C-alpha atoms as a PDB file:
ATOM      1  CA  MET A   1       0.305  -0.048  -0.450  1.00  0.00           C
ATOM      2  CA  ASP A   2       1.238   3.316  -0.949  1.00  0.00           C
ATOM      3  CA  LEU A   3       1.585   6.899   1.345  1.00  0.00           C
ATOM      4  CA  GLN A   4      -1.041   8.686  -0.886  1.00  0.00           C
ATOM      5  CA  SER A   5      -4.111   5.827   0.194  1.00  0.00           C
ATOM      6  CA  LEU A   6      -2.321   4.932   3.621  1.00  0.00           C
ATOM      7  CA  LEU A   7      -2.863   8.573   4.778  1.00  0.00           C
ATOM      8  CA  PHE A   8      -6.126   8.555   2.699  1.00  0.00           C
ATOM      9  CA  GLY A   9      -7.777   5.239   4.549  1.00  0.00           C
ATOM     10  CA  LEU A  10      -6.111   6.837   8.274  1.00  0.00           C
ATOM     11  CA  PHE A  11      -8.030  10.500   6.923  1.00  0.00           C
ATOM     12  CA  LEU A  12     -11.853   8.834   6.054  1.00  0.00           C
ATOM     13  CA  SER A  13     -11.597   6.713   8.472  1.00  0.00           C
ATOM     14  CA  MET A  14     -10.834   9.850  11.499  1.00  0.00           C
ATOM     15  CA  PHE A  15     -13.761  11.466   9.700  1.00  0.00           C
ATOM     16  CA  LEU A  16     -16.169   9.132  10.185  1.00  0.00           C
ATOM     17  CA  VAL A  17     -15.384   8.427  13.210  1.00  0.00           C
ATOM     18  CA  THR A  18     -15.194  12.659  13.922  1.00  0.00           C
ATOM     19  CA  VAL A  19     -18.769  12.706  11.928  1.00  0.00           C
ATOM     20  CA  LEU A  20     -20.636   9.644  13.427  1.00  0.00           C
ATOM     21  CA  GLY A  21     -19.218  10.148  17.564  1.00  0.00           C
ATOM     22  CA  ASN A  22     -20.709  13.632  17.023  1.00  0.00           C
ATOM     23  CA  LEU A  23     -23.844  13.061  16.016  1.00  0.00           C
ATOM     24  CA  LEU A  24     -24.663   9.825  18.471  1.00  0.00           C
ATOM     25  CA  ILE A  25     -24.866  12.621  21.276  1.00  0.00           C
ATOM     26  CA  ILE A  26     -26.612  14.810  19.115  1.00  0.00           C
ATOM     27  CA  LEU A  27     -29.165  11.729  18.999  1.00  0.00           C
ATOM     28  CA  ALA A  28     -28.376  10.512  22.577  1.00  0.00           C
ATOM     29  CA  ILE A  29     -29.477  14.231  24.010  1.00  0.00           C
ATOM     30  CA  ASN A  30     -32.048  15.438  21.454  1.00  0.00           C
ATOM     31  CA  SER A  31     -34.232  11.082  22.560  1.00  0.00           C
ATOM     32  CA  ASP A  32     -32.973  12.050  26.379  1.00  0.00           C
ATOM     33  CA  SER A  33     -35.518  13.947  28.091  1.00  0.00           C
ATOM     34  CA  CYS A  34     -33.535  13.908  31.032  1.00  0.00           C
ATOM     35  CA  LEU A  35     -30.429  15.354  28.953  1.00  0.00           C
ATOM     36  CA  HIS A  36     -32.530  18.319  27.928  1.00  0.00           C
ATOM     37  CA  THR A  37     -30.705  20.589  29.968  1.00  0.00           C
ATOM     38  CA  PRO A  38     -28.619  24.125  29.136  1.00  0.00           C
ATOM     39  CA  MET A  39     -25.229  21.762  30.208  1.00  0.00           C
ATOM     40  CA  TYR A  40     -26.421  19.069  26.982  1.00  0.00           C
ATOM     41  CA  PHE A  41     -28.041  22.302  25.029  1.00  0.00           C
ATOM     42  CA  PHE A  42     -24.631  23.739  24.521  1.00  0.00           C
ATOM     43  CA  LEU A  43     -22.775  19.823  23.964  1.00  0.00           C
ATOM     44  CA  SER A  44     -25.376  18.832  20.861  1.00  0.00           C
ATOM     45  CA  ASN A  45     -24.195  22.506  19.126  1.00  0.00           C
ATOM     46  CA  LEU A  46     -20.744  21.667  20.001  1.00  0.00           C
ATOM     47  CA  SER A  47     -20.918  18.481  18.016  1.00  0.00           C
ATOM     48  CA  LEU A  48     -22.396  19.633  15.019  1.00  0.00           C
ATOM     49  CA  THR A  49     -19.772  22.969  15.228  1.00  0.00           C
ATOM     50  CA  ASP A  50     -16.909  19.749  15.772  1.00  0.00           C
ATOM     51  CA  ILE A  51     -18.848  18.369  12.479  1.00  0.00           C
ATOM     52  CA  GLY A  52     -19.130  21.501  10.298  1.00  0.00           C
ATOM     53  CA  PHE A  53     -15.174  22.225  11.520  1.00  0.00           C
ATOM     54  CA  THR A  54     -13.684  19.506  10.123  1.00  0.00           C
ATOM     55  CA  SER A  55     -15.816  18.774   7.255  1.00  0.00           C
ATOM     56  CA  THR A  56     -14.271  22.695   6.627  1.00  0.00           C
ATOM     57  CA  THR A  57     -10.586  21.249   5.241  1.00  0.00           C
ATOM     58  CA  VAL A  58     -10.568  17.104   5.743  1.00  0.00           C
ATOM     59  CA  LEU A  59     -13.087  16.882   2.488  1.00  0.00           C
ATOM     60  CA  LYS A  60     -11.062  19.423   0.495  1.00  0.00           C
ATOM     61  CA  MET A  61      -7.697  16.851   1.489  1.00  0.00           C
ATOM     62  CA  LEU A  62      -9.361  13.515   0.746  1.00  0.00           C
ATOM     63  CA  VAL A  63      -9.777  14.600  -2.549  1.00  0.00           C
ATOM     64  CA  ASN A  64      -6.661  16.027  -2.883  1.00  0.00           C
ATOM     65  CA  ILE A  65      -4.972  12.775  -1.659  1.00  0.00           C
ATOM     66  CA  GLN A  66      -7.676  10.541  -4.353  1.00  0.00           C
ATOM     67  CA  THR A  67      -7.050  12.979  -6.959  1.00  0.00           C
ATOM     68  CA  GLN A  68      -3.461  13.534  -6.648  1.00  0.00           C
ATOM     69  CA  SER A  69      -3.545  17.184  -7.167  1.00  0.00           C
ATOM     70  CA  ASN A  70      -3.299  19.806  -4.282  1.00  0.00           C
ATOM     71  CA  THR A  71      -4.950  22.382  -6.276  1.00  0.00           C
ATOM     72  CA  ILE A  72      -7.884  24.983  -4.685  1.00  0.00           C
ATOM     73  CA  THR A  73      -8.901  27.914  -6.605  1.00  0.00           C
ATOM     74  CA  TYR A  74      -9.007  31.207  -5.488  1.00  0.00           C
ATOM     75  CA  LYS A  75     -12.848  31.268  -4.344  1.00  0.00           C
ATOM     76  CA  GLY A  76     -12.032  27.870  -2.525  1.00  0.00           C
ATOM     77  CA  CYS A  77      -9.348  28.929  -1.051  1.00  0.00           C
ATOM     78  CA  LEU A  78     -12.206  32.082   0.477  1.00  0.00           C
ATOM     79  CA  THR A  79     -14.912  30.122   1.380  1.00  0.00           C
ATOM     80  CA  GLN A  80     -12.505  27.640   3.403  1.00  0.00           C
ATOM     81  CA  MET A  81     -10.901  29.943   5.569  1.00  0.00           C
ATOM     82  CA  TYR A  82     -14.765  31.477   6.106  1.00  0.00           C
ATOM     83  CA  PHE A  83     -16.069  28.531   7.585  1.00  0.00           C
ATOM     84  CA  PHE A  84     -12.600  27.924   9.016  1.00  0.00           C
ATOM     85  CA  MET A  85     -13.293  30.685  10.561  1.00  0.00           C
ATOM     86  CA  ILE A  86     -16.801  30.350  11.614  1.00  0.00           C
ATOM     87  CA  PHE A  87     -16.677  26.543  13.612  1.00  0.00           C
ATOM     88  CA  ALA A  88     -13.129  27.613  15.052  1.00  0.00           C
ATOM     89  CA  GLY A  89     -15.153  30.839  16.783  1.00  0.00           C
ATOM     90  CA  LEU A  90     -17.533  29.225  17.626  1.00  0.00           C
ATOM     91  CA  ASP A  91     -16.192  25.613  19.097  1.00  0.00           C
ATOM     92  CA  ASN A  92     -13.491  28.524  21.108  1.00  0.00           C
ATOM     93  CA  LEU A  93     -17.561  30.526  22.618  1.00  0.00           C
ATOM     94  CA  LEU A  94     -19.221  27.565  23.248  1.00  0.00           C
ATOM     95  CA  LEU A  95     -16.685  26.258  24.653  1.00  0.00           C
ATOM     96  CA  THR A  96     -16.880  29.497  26.871  1.00  0.00           C
ATOM     97  CA  VAL A  97     -20.303  28.926  27.842  1.00  0.00           C
ATOM     98  CA  MET A  98     -20.070  25.772  28.586  1.00  0.00           C
ATOM     99  CA  ALA A  99     -17.614  26.830  31.132  1.00  0.00           C
ATOM    100  CA  TYR A 100     -19.642  29.442  32.671  1.00  0.00           C
ATOM    101  CA  ASP A 101     -22.833  27.463  32.594  1.00  0.00           C
ATOM    102  CA  ARG A 102     -20.954  24.398  35.390  1.00  0.00           C
ATOM    103  CA  PHE A 103     -19.498  27.873  37.533  1.00  0.00           C
ATOM    104  CA  VAL A 104     -23.050  28.444  37.932  1.00  0.00           C
ATOM    105  CA  ALA A 105     -24.856  25.009  37.813  1.00  0.00           C
ATOM    106  CA  ILE A 106     -21.360  24.038  40.660  1.00  0.00           C
ATOM    107  CA  CYS A 107     -21.769  27.735  42.617  1.00  0.00           C
ATOM    108  CA  HIS A 108     -25.032  28.170  42.846  1.00  0.00           C
ATOM    109  CA  PRO A 109     -26.943  25.054  42.286  1.00  0.00           C
ATOM    110  CA  LEU A 110     -30.111  26.961  43.307  1.00  0.00           C
ATOM    111  CA  ARG A 111     -30.578  29.502  41.369  1.00  0.00           C
ATOM    112  CA  TYR A 112     -29.157  27.185  38.535  1.00  0.00           C
ATOM    113  CA  THR A 113     -32.839  26.704  36.702  1.00  0.00           C
ATOM    114  CA  VAL A 114     -33.554  30.438  37.108  1.00  0.00           C
ATOM    115  CA  ILE A 115     -30.712  31.956  36.178  1.00  0.00           C
ATOM    116  CA  MET A 116     -29.801  28.790  32.781  1.00  0.00           C
ATOM    117  CA  ASN A 117     -32.802  29.807  32.067  1.00  0.00           C
ATOM    118  CA  PRO A 118     -33.878  28.672  28.048  1.00  0.00           C
ATOM    119  CA  CYS A 119     -34.216  32.456  26.928  1.00  0.00           C
ATOM    120  CA  LEU A 120     -30.690  32.685  28.338  1.00  0.00           C
ATOM    121  CA  CYS A 121     -29.283  29.652  26.316  1.00  0.00           C
ATOM    122  CA  GLY A 122     -30.771  30.446  22.803  1.00  0.00           C
ATOM    123  CA  LEU A 123     -29.587  34.136  23.436  1.00  0.00           C
ATOM    124  CA  LEU A 124     -26.250  32.963  24.312  1.00  0.00           C
ATOM    125  CA  LEU A 125     -25.290  30.398  21.512  1.00  0.00           C
ATOM    126  CA  LEU A 126     -27.278  33.355  19.209  1.00  0.00           C
ATOM    127  CA  LEU A 127     -24.633  35.324  20.312  1.00  0.00           C
ATOM    128  CA  SER A 128     -21.760  33.480  19.373  1.00  0.00           C
ATOM    129  CA  TRP A 129     -23.174  33.102  15.626  1.00  0.00           C
ATOM    130  CA  PHE A 130     -23.671  36.828  15.398  1.00  0.00           C
ATOM    131  CA  ILE A 131     -20.124  37.134  16.531  1.00  0.00           C
ATOM    132  CA  CYS A 132     -18.333  34.129  14.863  1.00  0.00           C
ATOM    133  CA  LEU A 133     -20.267  35.530  11.736  1.00  0.00           C
ATOM    134  CA  THR A 134     -19.345  38.998  11.544  1.00  0.00           C
ATOM    135  CA  TYR A 135     -15.423  38.284  12.056  1.00  0.00           C
ATOM    136  CA  SER A 136     -15.394  35.741   9.403  1.00  0.00           C
ATOM    137  CA  LEU A 137     -17.357  38.381   7.030  1.00  0.00           C
ATOM    138  CA  LEU A 138     -15.021  40.632   8.226  1.00  0.00           C
ATOM    139  CA  GLN A 139     -11.520  39.512   8.200  1.00  0.00           C
ATOM    140  CA  SER A 140     -12.959  38.061   4.394  1.00  0.00           C
ATOM    141  CA  LEU A 141     -13.512  41.359   3.029  1.00  0.00           C
ATOM    142  CA  MET A 142     -10.761  42.585   4.053  1.00  0.00           C
ATOM    143  CA  PHE A 143      -8.837  39.225   2.414  1.00  0.00           C
ATOM    144  CA  LEU A 144     -10.217  40.408  -0.939  1.00  0.00           C
ATOM    145  CA  ARG A 145      -8.293  43.558  -0.485  1.00  0.00           C
ATOM    146  CA  VAL A 146      -5.182  41.543  -1.096  1.00  0.00           C
ATOM    147  CA  SER A 147      -3.701  40.718  -4.161  1.00  0.00           C
ATOM    148  CA  PHE A 148      -1.364  37.587  -4.971  1.00  0.00           C
ATOM    149  CA  CYS A 149       0.434  36.699  -8.419  1.00  0.00           C
ATOM    150  CA  LYS A 150      -1.054  34.424 -10.239  1.00  0.00           C
ATOM    151  CA  GLU A 151      -0.236  30.677  -8.918  1.00  0.00           C
ATOM    152  CA  ILE A 152       0.607  30.511  -5.011  1.00  0.00           C
ATOM    153  CA  GLU A 153       1.684  27.531  -2.824  1.00  0.00           C
ATOM    154  CA  ILE A 154       0.724  27.690   0.348  1.00  0.00           C
ATOM    155  CA  PRO A 155       2.210  25.133   3.012  1.00  0.00           C
ATOM    156  CA  HIS A 156      -0.300  23.861   4.628  1.00  0.00           C
ATOM    157  CA  PHE A 157      -2.970  20.850   4.449  1.00  0.00           C
ATOM    158  CA  PHE A 158      -5.424  23.710   3.511  1.00  0.00           C
ATOM    159  CA  CYS A 159      -6.124  27.391   3.419  1.00  0.00           C
ATOM    160  CA  GLU A 160      -4.366  28.578   6.776  1.00  0.00           C
ATOM    161  CA  HIS A 161      -5.159  32.610   7.057  1.00  0.00           C
ATOM    162  CA  THR A 162      -2.157  33.226   8.109  1.00  0.00           C
ATOM    163  CA  GLN A 163      -0.062  31.303   6.432  1.00  0.00           C
ATOM    164  CA  THR A 164      -2.195  32.688   3.145  1.00  0.00           C
ATOM    165  CA  LEU A 165      -1.753  36.214   4.299  1.00  0.00           C
ATOM    166  CA  LYS A 166       2.297  35.915   3.874  1.00  0.00           C
ATOM    167  CA  LEU A 167       2.017  34.942   0.286  1.00  0.00           C
ATOM    168  CA  ALA A 168       0.534  38.194  -0.144  1.00  0.00           C
ATOM    169  CA  CYS A 169       1.738  41.079  -3.140  1.00  0.00           C
ATOM    170  CA  SER A 170       0.432  43.661  -1.758  1.00  0.00           C
ATOM    171  CA  ASP A 171       1.401  45.307   1.419  1.00  0.00           C
ATOM    172  CA  THR A 172      -1.196  43.232   4.565  1.00  0.00           C
ATOM    173  CA  LEU A 173      -0.720  45.429   7.622  1.00  0.00           C
ATOM    174  CA  ALA A 174      -4.472  45.918   8.401  1.00  0.00           C
ATOM    175  CA  ASN A 175      -5.203  42.047   8.325  1.00  0.00           C
ATOM    176  CA  ASP A 176      -2.324  41.168  10.199  1.00  0.00           C
ATOM    177  CA  ILE A 177      -3.884  44.450  12.874  1.00  0.00           C
ATOM    178  CA  LEU A 178      -7.450  42.714  12.998  1.00  0.00           C
ATOM    179  CA  LEU A 179      -6.390  38.855  12.228  1.00  0.00           C
ATOM    180  CA  TYR A 180      -4.175  39.117  15.764  1.00  0.00           C
ATOM    181  CA  PHE A 181      -6.207  42.002  18.355  1.00  0.00           C
ATOM    182  CA  VAL A 182     -10.036  40.127  17.479  1.00  0.00           C
ATOM    183  CA  THR A 183      -8.134  37.113  18.033  1.00  0.00           C
ATOM    184  CA  GLY A 184      -6.383  37.623  20.903  1.00  0.00           C
ATOM    185  CA  LEU A 185      -9.234  40.027  22.360  1.00  0.00           C
ATOM    186  CA  LEU A 186     -11.537  36.983  21.738  1.00  0.00           C
ATOM    187  CA  GLY A 187      -8.748  34.435  23.228  1.00  0.00           C
ATOM    188  CA  VAL A 188      -7.942  36.561  26.248  1.00  0.00           C
ATOM    189  CA  ILE A 189     -11.571  36.990  26.697  1.00  0.00           C
ATOM    190  CA  THR A 190     -13.000  34.141  26.754  1.00  0.00           C
ATOM    191  CA  LEU A 191      -9.511  32.423  28.685  1.00  0.00           C
ATOM    192  CA  THR A 192     -10.353  34.732  31.616  1.00  0.00           C
ATOM    193  CA  VAL A 193     -13.690  34.254  31.099  1.00  0.00           C
ATOM    194  CA  ILE A 194     -13.082  30.108  31.272  1.00  0.00           C
ATOM    195  CA  LEU A 195      -9.925  30.516  34.715  1.00  0.00           C
ATOM    196  CA  PHE A 196     -12.241  32.345  36.400  1.00  0.00           C
ATOM    197  CA  SER A 197     -15.310  30.162  35.678  1.00  0.00           C
ATOM    198  CA  TYR A 198     -13.342  27.469  37.093  1.00  0.00           C
ATOM    199  CA  TYR A 199     -10.913  28.984  39.831  1.00  0.00           C
ATOM    200  CA  ARG A 200     -14.881  29.557  41.424  1.00  0.00           C
ATOM    201  CA  ILE A 201     -15.497  25.989  40.735  1.00  0.00           C
ATOM    202  CA  ILE A 202     -12.579  24.490  42.952  1.00  0.00           C
ATOM    203  CA  SER A 203     -12.917  26.918  45.390  1.00  0.00           C
ATOM    204  CA  CYS A 204     -16.795  25.763  45.651  1.00  0.00           C
ATOM    205  CA  ILE A 205     -15.835  22.522  45.239  1.00  0.00           C
ATOM    206  CA  MET A 206     -13.306  22.633  47.757  1.00  0.00           C
ATOM    207  CA  ASP A 207     -16.057  23.994  50.492  1.00  0.00           C
ATOM    208  CA  ILE A 208     -18.234  20.892  49.983  1.00  0.00           C
ATOM    209  CA  SER A 209     -17.513  18.775  53.130  1.00  0.00           C
ATOM    210  CA  SER A 210     -18.233  15.260  52.023  1.00  0.00           C
ATOM    211  CA  VAL A 211     -15.016  13.314  49.792  1.00  0.00           C
ATOM    212  CA  ALA A 212     -18.624  11.871  48.062  1.00  0.00           C
ATOM    213  CA  GLY A 213     -19.834  15.758  46.701  1.00  0.00           C
ATOM    214  CA  LYS A 214     -17.053  17.075  46.365  1.00  0.00           C
ATOM    215  CA  TYR A 215     -15.954  13.852  44.022  1.00  0.00           C
ATOM    216  CA  LYS A 216     -19.732  14.453  42.372  1.00  0.00           C
ATOM    217  CA  ALA A 217     -19.264  17.808  41.807  1.00  0.00           C
ATOM    218  CA  PHE A 218     -15.665  17.748  40.342  1.00  0.00           C
ATOM    219  CA  SER A 219     -17.610  14.819  37.523  1.00  0.00           C
ATOM    220  CA  THR A 220     -19.943  17.365  36.142  1.00  0.00           C
ATOM    221  CA  CYS A 221     -17.153  19.206  34.532  1.00  0.00           C
ATOM    222  CA  GLY A 222     -14.649  16.789  34.346  1.00  0.00           C
ATOM    223  CA  SER A 223     -15.296  16.323  30.611  1.00  0.00           C
ATOM    224  CA  HIS A 224     -15.648  19.739  29.627  1.00  0.00           C
ATOM    225  CA  LEU A 225     -12.493  20.482  31.820  1.00  0.00           C
ATOM    226  CA  LEU A 226     -10.211  18.139  29.703  1.00  0.00           C
ATOM    227  CA  VAL A 227     -11.551  19.110  26.425  1.00  0.00           C
ATOM    228  CA  VAL A 228     -11.398  23.203  26.998  1.00  0.00           C
ATOM    229  CA  SER A 229      -7.004  22.145  27.819  1.00  0.00           C
ATOM    230  CA  LEU A 230      -6.699  19.779  24.579  1.00  0.00           C
ATOM    231  CA  PHE A 231      -8.278  22.261  22.462  1.00  0.00           C
ATOM    232  CA  TYR A 232      -6.540  25.280  24.250  1.00  0.00           C
ATOM    233  CA  GLY A 233      -3.293  23.328  24.402  1.00  0.00           C
ATOM    234  CA  VAL A 234      -3.534  22.573  21.079  1.00  0.00           C
ATOM    235  CA  GLY A 235      -4.904  26.067  19.546  1.00  0.00           C
ATOM    236  CA  LEU A 236      -2.054  27.632  21.748  1.00  0.00           C
ATOM    237  CA  GLY A 237       0.424  25.426  19.377  1.00  0.00           C
ATOM    238  CA  VAL A 238      -1.476  26.080  16.353  1.00  0.00           C
ATOM    239  CA  TYR A 239      -1.091  29.680  16.504  1.00  0.00           C
ATOM    240  CA  LEU A 240       2.467  29.931  17.835  1.00  0.00           C
ATOM    241  CA  THR A 241       4.329  28.400  14.561  1.00  0.00           C
ATOM    242  CA  SER A 242       1.402  30.373  12.064  1.00  0.00           C
ATOM    243  CA  GLY A 243       3.507  33.244  13.532  1.00  0.00           C
ATOM    244  CA  THR A 244       6.448  31.861  11.946  1.00  0.00           C
ATOM    245  CA  THR A 245       8.035  32.688   8.555  1.00  0.00           C
ATOM    246  CA  HIS A 246       8.976  29.042   7.335  1.00  0.00           C
ATOM    247  CA  PRO A 247       6.329  27.051   8.482  1.00  0.00           C
ATOM    248  CA  SER A 248       8.107  23.701  10.345  1.00  0.00           C
ATOM    249  CA  ARG A 249       6.568  20.048  10.488  1.00  0.00           C
ATOM    250  CA  LYS A 250       5.681  20.351  14.313  1.00  0.00           C
ATOM    251  CA  GLY A 251       3.354  23.481  12.878  1.00  0.00           C
ATOM    252  CA  SER A 252       1.908  20.762   9.786  1.00  0.00           C
ATOM    253  CA  VAL A 253       1.523  17.977  13.148  1.00  0.00           C
ATOM    254  CA  ALA A 254      -0.269  20.608  15.537  1.00  0.00           C
ATOM    255  CA  SER A 255      -2.815  22.057  13.066  1.00  0.00           C
ATOM    256  CA  VAL A 256      -3.602  18.255  12.247  1.00  0.00           C
ATOM    257  CA  MET A 257      -4.196  17.561  15.292  1.00  0.00           C
ATOM    258  CA  PHE A 258      -6.264  21.016  16.093  1.00  0.00           C
ATOM    259  CA  THR A 259      -8.689  20.167  12.970  1.00  0.00           C
ATOM    260  CA  VAL A 260      -8.773  16.522  13.208  1.00  0.00           C
ATOM    261  CA  VAL A 261      -7.799  14.878  16.140  1.00  0.00           C
ATOM    262  CA  THR A 262      -9.518  17.161  19.015  1.00  0.00           C
ATOM    263  CA  PRO A 263     -12.812  17.115  17.801  1.00  0.00           C
ATOM    264  CA  MET A 264     -12.544  13.108  16.836  1.00  0.00           C
ATOM    265  CA  LEU A 265     -12.359  13.128  20.388  1.00  0.00           C
ATOM    266  CA  ASN A 266     -14.856  14.927  22.251  1.00  0.00           C
ATOM    267  CA  PRO A 267     -17.461  12.745  21.969  1.00  0.00           C
ATOM    268  CA  PHE A 268     -15.013  10.132  23.176  1.00  0.00           C
ATOM    269  CA  ILE A 269     -14.242  12.075  26.112  1.00  0.00           C
ATOM    270  CA  TYR A 270     -17.999  12.979  26.520  1.00  0.00           C
ATOM    271  CA  SER A 271     -20.146   9.333  26.275  1.00  0.00           C
ATOM    272  CA  LEU A 272     -17.317   7.855  28.872  1.00  0.00           C
ATOM    273  CA  ARG A 273     -16.813   9.934  31.299  1.00  0.00           C
ATOM    274  CA  ASN A 274     -20.047  10.729  31.663  1.00  0.00           C
ATOM    275  CA  ARG A 275     -22.782   8.361  32.947  1.00  0.00           C
ATOM    276  CA  ASP A 276     -25.954  10.145  31.921  1.00  0.00           C
ATOM    277  CA  MET A 277     -24.393  10.332  28.772  1.00  0.00           C
ATOM    278  CA  LYS A 278     -23.629   6.729  28.867  1.00  0.00           C
ATOM    279  CA  ARG A 279     -27.288   5.637  29.662  1.00  0.00           C
ATOM    280  CA  ALA A 280     -28.785   7.479  27.330  1.00  0.00           C
ATOM    281  CA  LEU A 281     -26.367   5.491  24.808  1.00  0.00           C
ATOM    282  CA  ARG A 282     -27.384   2.766  25.771  1.00  0.00           C
ATOM    283  CA  ARG A 283     -30.797   3.272  25.048  1.00  0.00           C
ATOM    284  CA  LEU A 284     -30.600   4.607  21.672  1.00  0.00           C
ATOM    285  CA  PHE A 285     -28.634   1.810  20.868  1.00  0.00           C
ATOM    286  CA  ARG A 286     -31.317  -0.237  22.525  1.00  0.00           C
ATOM    287  CA  ARG A 287     -34.137   1.474  20.738  1.00  0.00           C
ATOM    288  CA  GLY A 288     -32.536   0.666  16.845  1.00  0.00           C
ATOM    289  CA  VAL A 289     -31.991  -2.618  17.980  1.00  0.00           C
ATOM    290  CA  TYR A 290     -35.435  -2.906  19.114  1.00  0.00           C
ATOM    291  CA  SER A 291     -37.136  -1.191  15.414  1.00  0.00           C
ATOM    292  CA  GLN A 292     -35.039  -3.734  13.923  1.00  0.00           C
END
């Protein structure tokens, strides 16, 4: 088996596992009334975002491997960048909202249903979409003013924004300022909310007298904490390597981890470490067996 076939089979398998795993999470949450809570509402939206996030890059990569052609049109590149920024931003904001949800659930349990009401949950989701759509549209419009030479070679497996801008023939100062300022601003705000939420969560857990109570409280946010660590840890590696003039092999590996591996692992983390999710998945599978 040659390298092309091996890579195609590997990435196709990872893509199918990602899509099927996240779809199972969505179906399990929708089919189980016990999971119709704010935490699982945001989790189902995170799973839907992960499907779009992976599809944006992997599908084109699979086509390129199969056809043995590593080309993409200007419009195709712009479209890929636009949707990549939308789904990457949504992942970031949804993880932040989920951290706030866990903070309210653990630190203010008696007021949880009042604070995290359906109206607020819907508003937070709409606000996340609005921010990502506006930012991605603004970046795309700014990208249109940049001129390129007739043919360029992107040192990446997809149209990564910063690497593509470095190949421009015209001045990209305004694009760079917008990119790093807004990305940095959103990153600082979301990371601050997450760190503050978990600081308060840990403080509240330490105040619980019983060991069983501490374990139960921590188990409700353990999966989310693991996903956040994975997302921001790999995302930080991609951000740091994208700033170099000549992208290294480590940067490409970090990008694959960020765009392919992280969304693939999320369903396993949330299903294997969550008893309610495991119960809902078992019920879903039993319904499928009985219906046959």
